[in-house]
Amino acid sequence: MKPANTGATLSGNYHTLKDTENKTVNYTGSYSSIFTGGYCYTITVKAPFAASGEEERPLAPGDFVFHGTGGIEVYPGDGPLTDGKIPNYTDAVGIVVTCDKSRLTDAGCKDENGNEWNHAYVMGLEYTSTGGLTWGLAKAEPAIPLTLYDSNAKNNMNGYTETKKMLEAHTSDLSSYGAFNSINSYRNTHSVPDGVKRSPWFIPSCGQWFDVMVNLCGRSPETFRDNTTVSWIDESYGTKMWETINRQLSRIGKPLSFTSDKSTGVLLLCSSQADDANCWDARWRLSGAQVSLGVNGNKAYYSSARIRPFFLHFSGDISAFFKYEKKQDKKMKVIRHYFIDTGFFALLLIAGGCTGETEIGGGNGQ
């Protein structure tokens, strides 16, 4: 037996925004003999004006950072793209690596007023030099502690302090410490802009490169399968990890570039030392298939050895964010809003109001 058809009168209301004004949309509609018993129906209301909405979310790895006129600005890493790029992508200066408070543990990250740069670690978008860097001399450096290769190495997040201490200890012989000489030169030509509350550039530690692999490359070194007594290493995970971080960096036109030296690969120096003869580095070898985070000779020289600098951000300084509004005609527009706030967050789009063809007569906005 065919289920009976019936009619219904439906009514209700919802709240939305029209520009900056809160509005209540009331709707009602009457139908006769269109609903069949035993079936489920979805009724869509079309608002009488273009509604918009937004959603706050915390800062996250993969978000992009800018130097704005009044401080740090941020664009969500999963925000809208135009031709595969974020707005103003050529002006981006970094990508967020981590903003997990439990990982922001470098006690030396403070400005001259005692304000801690403890809200986010940000990786720069270029190398400090074309390569060919050494870490330093083959001896233990008393200026910084040793970081042994064990499970606790991932927790050395002290790249800023290690860089600072090494620069202070070697003012007279800095040329013998290629990595630190390079970051010093880079600081001189890439100073912190006036009005921006962030640290100077520094060499990331082994723990900070650990976080790059986890948060931006999509895999923890602790899952690597070919480890040695001195390195986390995997013979095949590297390709996917390289592709993952570059997929995000391509949104600002700054993917990591590989080297023509397939055996040496890309070697990224860390600020950390393991013992009296070895420092830490991250590297991709053998056309990128092999990936590792481990120790290497302090005096080792490779044409591909280089530094990807980091900075830290002070949470009390955010001058602008990007707000996304999606109108009912499904067109997107991006608006900059300036403000000062003690939080550092990104805004993402959500659908505002209701969209689609009306099934219940038009609503009226009050």
Protein backbone atom coordinates (compact mmCIF):
# COMPACT_ATOMS: atom_id res chain seq x y z
CA MET A 1 0.00 0.00 0.00
CA LYS A 2 1.32 3.42 -0.95
CA PRO A 3 1.96 5.65 2.11
CA ALA A 4 -0.40 8.56 2.50
CA ASN A 5 0.54 12.06 1.37
CA THR A 6 -0.11 14.98 3.64
CA GLY A 7 0.33 18.74 3.83
CA ALA A 8 2.00 20.89 6.44
CA THR A 9 2.60 24.45 7.53
CA LEU A 10 6.18 25.05 8.63
CA SER A 11 7.54 28.10 10.41
CA GLY A 12 10.47 29.17 12.52
CA ASN A 13 13.35 31.63 12.74
CA TYR A 14 17.11 31.87 12.97
CA HIS A 15 19.68 34.55 13.73
CA THR A 16 22.38 35.84 11.38
CA LEU A 17 24.38 38.95 10.54
CA LYS A 18 23.66 41.58 7.93
CA ASP A 19 26.90 43.51 7.71
CA THR A 20 27.60 44.09 11.43
CA GLU A 21 23.96 44.06 12.56
CA ASN A 22 22.32 41.05 14.18
CA LYS A 23 19.17 40.01 12.33
CA THR A 24 16.38 37.53 13.00
CA VAL A 25 14.99 35.79 9.93
CA ASN A 26 11.42 34.54 10.35
CA TYR A 27 10.09 32.06 7.82
CA THR A 28 6.80 30.30 7.12
CA GLY A 29 5.40 28.17 4.33
CA SER A 30 2.33 26.01 3.67
CA TYR A 31 2.32 22.83 1.60
CA SER A 32 -0.50 20.49 0.66
CA SER A 33 -0.12 16.79 -0.14
CA ILE A 34 3.60 16.81 -0.91
CA PHE A 35 4.97 14.93 2.09
CA THR A 36 4.85 11.13 2.00
CA GLY A 37 4.68 9.20 5.23
CA GLY A 38 7.85 7.35 6.17
CA TYR A 39 10.22 9.69 4.31
CA CYS A 40 12.63 12.39 5.54
CA TYR A 41 12.70 15.86 3.95
CA THR A 42 15.17 18.75 4.15
CA ILE A 43 13.70 22.22 3.86
CA THR A 44 15.97 25.10 2.87
CA VAL A 45 15.32 28.73 3.71
CA LYS A 46 16.63 31.51 1.49
CA ALA A 47 17.44 34.66 3.44
CA PRO A 48 16.12 37.96 2.04
CA PHE A 49 19.59 39.51 2.25
CA ALA A 50 23.20 38.38 1.85
CA ALA A 51 24.32 36.85 5.14
CA SER A 52 27.90 36.25 6.18
CA GLY A 53 29.73 34.58 9.00
CA GLU A 54 33.13 33.77 10.38
CA GLU A 55 34.71 31.39 12.82
CA GLU A 56 37.67 31.84 15.11
CA ARG A 57 40.17 29.05 15.50
CA PRO A 58 43.53 28.90 17.28
CA LEU A 59 46.75 29.52 15.43
CA ALA A 60 48.00 26.27 13.88
CA PRO A 61 51.08 24.82 12.17
CA GLY A 62 51.00 25.68 8.49
CA ASP A 63 49.55 29.18 8.98
CA PHE A 64 51.45 31.93 7.16
CA VAL A 65 53.02 34.93 8.88
CA PHE A 66 53.53 38.48 7.60
CA HIS A 67 55.24 41.60 8.92
CA GLY A 68 52.40 44.11 8.94
CA THR A 69 52.59 47.85 9.39
CA GLY A 70 51.54 47.47 13.02
CA GLY A 71 52.97 44.07 13.93
CA ILE A 72 52.57 40.43 13.01
CA GLU A 73 49.77 39.41 10.65
CA VAL A 74 48.61 35.88 9.99
CA TYR A 75 46.82 34.14 7.13
CA PRO A 76 45.35 30.68 7.82
CA GLY A 77 47.21 27.91 6.07
CA ASP A 78 43.92 26.41 4.92
CA GLY A 79 42.40 29.74 3.88
CA PRO A 80 41.04 30.57 0.39
CA LEU A 81 43.45 30.52 -2.57
CA THR A 82 43.55 32.31 -5.89
CA ASP A 83 45.34 30.35 -8.63
CA GLY A 84 46.83 28.16 -5.92
CA LYS A 85 48.26 31.05 -3.85
CA ILE A 86 47.18 32.95 -0.76
CA PRO A 87 46.56 36.72 -1.06
CA ASN A 88 49.76 38.81 -1.04
CA TYR A 89 51.80 35.61 -0.92
CA THR A 90 55.00 37.33 -1.99
CA ASP A 91 54.96 39.34 1.25
CA ALA A 92 54.86 36.30 3.58
CA VAL A 93 57.92 35.92 5.84
CA GLY A 94 57.32 32.60 7.53
CA ILE A 95 55.22 29.55 8.27
CA VAL A 96 54.13 28.48 11.75
CA VAL A 97 55.89 25.30 12.91
CA THR A 98 54.37 24.93 16.35
CA CYS A 99 52.29 26.92 18.82
CA ASP A 100 51.89 24.10 21.36
CA LYS A 101 52.65 25.66 24.76
CA SER A 102 54.24 22.43 25.96
CA ARG A 103 56.85 22.78 23.19
CA LEU A 104 57.65 26.49 23.76
CA THR A 105 60.22 25.81 26.46
CA ASP A 106 63.25 27.99 25.66
CA ALA A 107 63.55 30.06 28.85
CA GLY A 108 65.98 32.46 27.20
CA CYS A 109 63.44 33.77 24.68
CA LYS A 110 62.80 37.23 26.13
CA ASP A 111 63.13 40.79 24.94
CA GLU A 112 64.88 43.57 26.84
CA ASN A 113 61.69 44.18 28.86
CA GLY A 114 61.33 40.57 29.94
CA ASN A 115 58.46 39.80 27.55
CA GLU A 116 58.65 36.18 26.46
CA TRP A 117 58.59 35.28 22.76
CA ASN A 118 56.61 32.18 23.55
CA HIS A 119 53.57 32.06 21.30
CA ALA A 120 54.80 30.39 18.13
CA TYR A 121 57.91 29.10 16.41
CA VAL A 122 57.99 30.37 12.82
CA MET A 123 60.23 29.00 10.05
CA GLY A 124 61.55 31.44 7.47
CA LEU A 125 60.96 30.98 3.76
CA GLU A 126 64.53 31.11 2.48
CA TYR A 127 68.00 29.88 3.36
CA THR A 128 70.59 32.12 5.02
CA SER A 129 73.12 31.32 2.28
CA THR A 130 73.58 29.22 -0.84
CA GLY A 131 75.18 26.39 1.15
CA GLY A 132 78.60 24.98 1.91
CA LEU A 133 78.40 25.71 5.65
CA THR A 134 80.23 24.02 8.51
CA TRP A 135 78.90 23.95 12.06
CA GLY A 136 82.17 24.74 13.78
CA LEU A 137 85.36 23.24 15.20
CA ALA A 138 85.72 19.60 16.25
CA LYS A 139 85.55 20.20 19.97
CA ALA A 140 82.92 20.43 22.65
CA GLU A 141 81.52 23.93 22.94
CA PRO A 142 81.14 24.92 26.62
CA ALA A 143 78.76 27.75 25.65
CA ILE A 144 75.89 25.29 25.09
CA PRO A 145 75.06 21.89 26.60
CA LEU A 146 75.36 18.61 24.72
CA THR A 147 72.21 17.06 23.28
CA LEU A 148 72.75 13.31 23.14
CA TYR A 149 71.02 11.13 20.58
CA ASP A 150 68.20 9.58 22.58
CA SER A 151 64.45 9.95 22.88
CA ASN A 152 64.83 13.20 24.83
CA ALA A 153 66.61 14.97 21.95
CA LYS A 154 63.21 15.86 20.51
CA ASN A 155 62.64 18.12 23.53
CA ASN A 156 65.59 20.42 22.88
CA MET A 157 63.66 23.49 21.71
CA ASN A 158 66.44 25.93 22.58
CA GLY A 159 67.54 27.07 19.14
CA TYR A 160 67.28 30.74 20.08
CA THR A 161 69.37 30.39 23.25
CA GLU A 162 71.93 28.09 21.59
CA THR A 163 72.37 30.56 18.74
CA LYS A 164 72.67 33.49 21.15
CA LYS A 165 75.25 31.75 23.35
CA MET A 166 77.40 30.64 20.42
CA LEU A 167 77.41 34.14 18.90
CA GLU A 168 78.42 35.64 22.25
CA ALA A 169 81.19 33.06 22.75
CA HIS A 170 82.79 33.46 19.32
CA THR A 171 82.86 37.15 18.49
CA SER A 172 86.60 36.94 17.69
CA ASP A 173 86.62 33.68 15.68
CA LEU A 174 83.13 33.55 14.20
CA SER A 175 84.51 32.80 10.74
CA SER A 176 85.47 29.33 12.03
CA TYR A 177 81.81 28.63 12.80
CA GLY A 178 80.17 28.80 9.40
CA ALA A 179 76.58 28.18 10.50
CA PHE A 180 76.67 30.84 13.20
CA ASN A 181 78.56 33.28 11.00
CA SER A 182 75.83 32.80 8.38
CA ILE A 183 72.95 33.46 10.78
CA ASN A 184 74.77 36.52 12.12
CA SER A 185 75.12 37.94 8.61
CA TYR A 186 71.49 37.11 7.85
CA ARG A 187 70.36 38.96 10.98
CA ASN A 188 72.29 42.04 9.86
CA THR A 189 70.54 42.11 6.50
CA HIS A 190 67.13 40.91 7.76
CA SER A 191 66.59 42.82 11.00
CA VAL A 192 63.36 42.77 12.99
CA PRO A 193 61.12 45.54 11.60
CA ASP A 194 60.21 48.44 13.86
CA GLY A 195 57.02 47.80 15.77
CA VAL A 196 57.13 44.01 15.40
CA LYS A 197 57.53 42.11 18.67
CA ARG A 198 59.43 38.97 17.74
CA SER A 199 62.86 37.49 18.24
CA PRO A 200 65.78 37.91 15.85
CA TRP A 201 66.37 35.05 13.41
CA PHE A 202 68.11 32.00 14.87
CA ILE A 203 69.28 28.51 13.92
CA PRO A 204 66.63 25.94 14.90
CA SER A 205 67.55 23.20 17.37
CA CYS A 206 67.18 19.46 16.80
CA GLY A 207 63.84 19.52 18.63
CA GLN A 208 62.54 22.31 16.43
CA TRP A 209 63.43 20.34 13.29
CA PHE A 210 61.70 17.38 14.93
CA ASP A 211 58.55 19.53 15.04
CA VAL A 212 58.96 20.55 11.39
CA MET A 213 58.87 16.88 10.46
CA VAL A 214 55.87 16.15 12.69
CA ASN A 215 53.75 19.23 11.94
CA LEU A 216 54.69 20.26 8.41
CA CYS A 217 56.02 17.05 6.87
CA GLY A 218 53.33 14.84 8.39
CA ARG A 219 55.47 12.20 10.10
CA SER A 220 57.32 11.90 13.41
CA PRO A 221 60.95 10.74 13.34
CA GLU A 222 59.92 8.32 16.09
CA THR A 223 58.10 6.32 13.41
CA PHE A 224 61.23 5.96 11.24
CA ARG A 225 62.18 2.33 10.57
CA ASP A 226 65.91 2.33 9.79
CA ASN A 227 67.37 4.07 12.84
CA THR A 228 71.06 3.87 13.72
CA THR A 229 72.91 4.55 16.95
CA VAL A 230 73.20 8.23 15.99
CA SER A 231 70.14 9.08 13.90
CA TRP A 232 66.45 8.70 13.33
CA ILE A 233 66.44 7.58 9.72
CA ASP A 234 64.08 6.08 7.15
CA GLU A 235 64.98 4.93 3.66
CA SER A 236 61.68 5.73 1.95
CA TYR A 237 59.47 8.06 4.03
CA GLY A 238 61.40 11.11 2.81
CA THR A 239 59.62 11.45 -0.53
CA LYS A 240 56.13 11.77 0.97
CA MET A 241 57.37 14.08 3.75
CA TRP A 242 59.09 16.36 1.22
CA GLU A 243 55.96 16.48 -0.90
CA THR A 244 53.77 17.25 2.14
CA ILE A 245 55.71 20.29 3.34
CA ASN A 246 56.13 21.57 -0.22
CA ARG A 247 52.42 21.28 -0.90
CA GLN A 248 51.89 23.84 1.86
CA LEU A 249 54.85 26.03 0.93
CA SER A 250 53.68 26.14 -2.70
CA ARG A 251 50.74 28.28 -1.49
CA ILE A 252 53.26 31.10 -1.08
CA GLY A 253 55.51 30.09 -3.97
CA LYS A 254 58.36 29.02 -1.66
CA PRO A 255 58.79 25.24 -1.86
CA LEU A 256 61.98 23.68 -0.54
CA SER A 257 64.36 23.06 -3.42
CA PHE A 258 66.31 19.85 -3.76
CA THR A 259 69.94 19.68 -4.82
CA SER A 260 71.57 18.22 -7.88
CA ASP A 261 73.83 16.20 -5.56
CA LYS A 262 71.51 13.22 -5.05
CA SER A 263 73.81 11.32 -2.67
CA THR A 264 74.49 14.22 -0.31
CA GLY A 265 71.02 15.66 -0.70
CA VAL A 266 69.75 18.59 1.35
CA LEU A 267 71.45 19.00 4.72
CA LEU A 268 69.88 21.47 7.16
CA LEU A 269 72.09 22.34 10.13
CA CYS A 270 70.73 22.58 13.68
CA SER A 271 72.09 24.74 16.49
CA SER A 272 72.53 21.70 18.75
CA GLN A 273 75.73 19.72 19.40
CA ALA A 274 75.72 16.03 20.29
CA ASP A 275 79.28 15.54 21.63
CA ASP A 276 82.80 16.89 21.22
CA ALA A 277 82.89 16.11 17.50
CA ASN A 278 79.31 16.06 16.25
CA CYS A 279 76.40 18.41 15.67
CA TRP A 280 72.79 17.75 14.68
CA ASP A 281 71.23 18.10 11.25
CA ALA A 282 68.10 17.20 9.29
CA ARG A 283 68.56 15.87 5.77
CA TRP A 284 66.95 14.36 2.71
CA ARG A 285 69.18 12.15 0.52
CA LEU A 286 69.04 9.79 -2.46
CA SER A 287 66.69 11.97 -4.47
CA GLY A 288 64.76 12.70 -1.28
CA ALA A 289 63.66 9.15 -0.41
CA GLN A 290 65.94 8.90 2.61
CA VAL A 291 65.15 11.26 5.49
CA SER A 292 67.01 11.60 8.77
CA LEU A 293 67.40 13.68 11.90
CA GLY A 294 70.65 12.92 13.66
CA VAL A 295 74.30 13.79 14.26
CA ASN A 296 77.12 14.61 11.86
CA GLY A 297 80.73 15.84 12.17
CA ASN A 298 81.07 19.48 13.25
CA LYS A 299 83.69 20.12 10.58
CA ALA A 300 81.86 18.26 7.82
CA TYR A 301 81.46 20.20 4.62
CA TYR A 302 78.81 19.60 1.99
CA SER A 303 77.86 21.87 -0.86
CA SER A 304 74.23 21.51 0.25
CA ALA A 305 74.74 22.26 3.98
CA ARG A 306 72.62 25.31 4.84
CA ILE A 307 70.28 26.88 7.38
CA ARG A 308 66.56 27.55 7.33
CA PRO A 309 66.21 30.27 10.01
CA PHE A 310 63.44 30.55 12.62
CA PHE A 311 62.01 33.28 14.82
CA LEU A 312 59.73 33.32 17.86
CA HIS A 313 56.70 35.50 18.29
CA PHE A 314 55.47 37.39 21.36
CA SER A 315 51.79 36.61 21.97
CA GLY A 316 50.84 40.18 22.92
CA ASP A 317 51.48 41.54 19.44
CA ILE A 318 49.09 40.81 16.63
CA SER A 319 48.06 43.78 14.60
CA ALA A 320 45.98 42.26 11.85
CA PHE A 321 44.28 39.16 10.63
CA PHE A 322 42.42 38.31 7.49
CA LYS A 323 38.65 37.90 7.66
CA TYR A 324 36.75 35.90 5.09
CA GLU A 325 33.17 36.67 4.18
CA LYS A 326 31.15 34.41 1.96
CA LYS A 327 28.05 36.02 0.54
CA GLN A 328 24.96 34.18 -0.55
CA ASP A 329 25.97 34.39 -4.18
CA LYS A 330 28.97 32.23 -3.14
CA LYS A 331 31.49 34.90 -4.04
CA MET A 332 34.40 35.31 -1.65
CA LYS A 333 36.01 38.52 -0.58
CA VAL A 334 38.92 39.03 1.78
CA ILE A 335 39.07 42.04 4.07
CA ARG A 336 41.88 43.13 6.36
CA HIS A 337 40.85 44.14 9.86
CA TYR A 338 43.35 45.82 12.17
CA PHE A 339 43.22 45.38 15.91
CA ILE A 340 45.35 44.75 18.97
CA ASP A 341 44.70 41.67 21.02
CA THR A 342 46.56 39.47 23.48
CA GLY A 343 45.70 36.35 21.52
CA PHE A 344 47.15 35.17 18.23
CA PHE A 345 44.56 33.43 16.14
CA ALA A 346 43.32 32.95 12.63
CA LEU A 347 39.83 33.36 11.24
CA LEU A 348 38.28 30.84 8.90
CA LEU A 349 35.23 30.96 6.76
CA ILE A 350 31.96 29.30 7.66
CA ALA A 351 28.74 29.59 5.76
CA GLY A 352 26.64 32.37 7.20
CA GLY A 353 22.86 32.33 7.25
CA CYS A 354 21.32 29.82 4.86
CA THR A 355 21.98 29.37 1.19
CA GLY A 356 20.34 27.51 -1.64
CA GLU A 357 16.94 27.58 -3.28
CA THR A 358 14.01 28.27 -1.05
CA GLU A 359 11.50 25.53 -0.36
CA ILE A 360 9.44 27.58 2.05
CA GLY A 361 8.74 30.95 0.60
CA GLY A 362 11.16 33.78 1.41
CA GLY A 363 11.92 34.77 4.94
CA ASN A 364 11.77 38.27 6.26
CA GLY A 365 14.59 39.93 8.10
CA GLN A 366 13.99 41.98 11.20
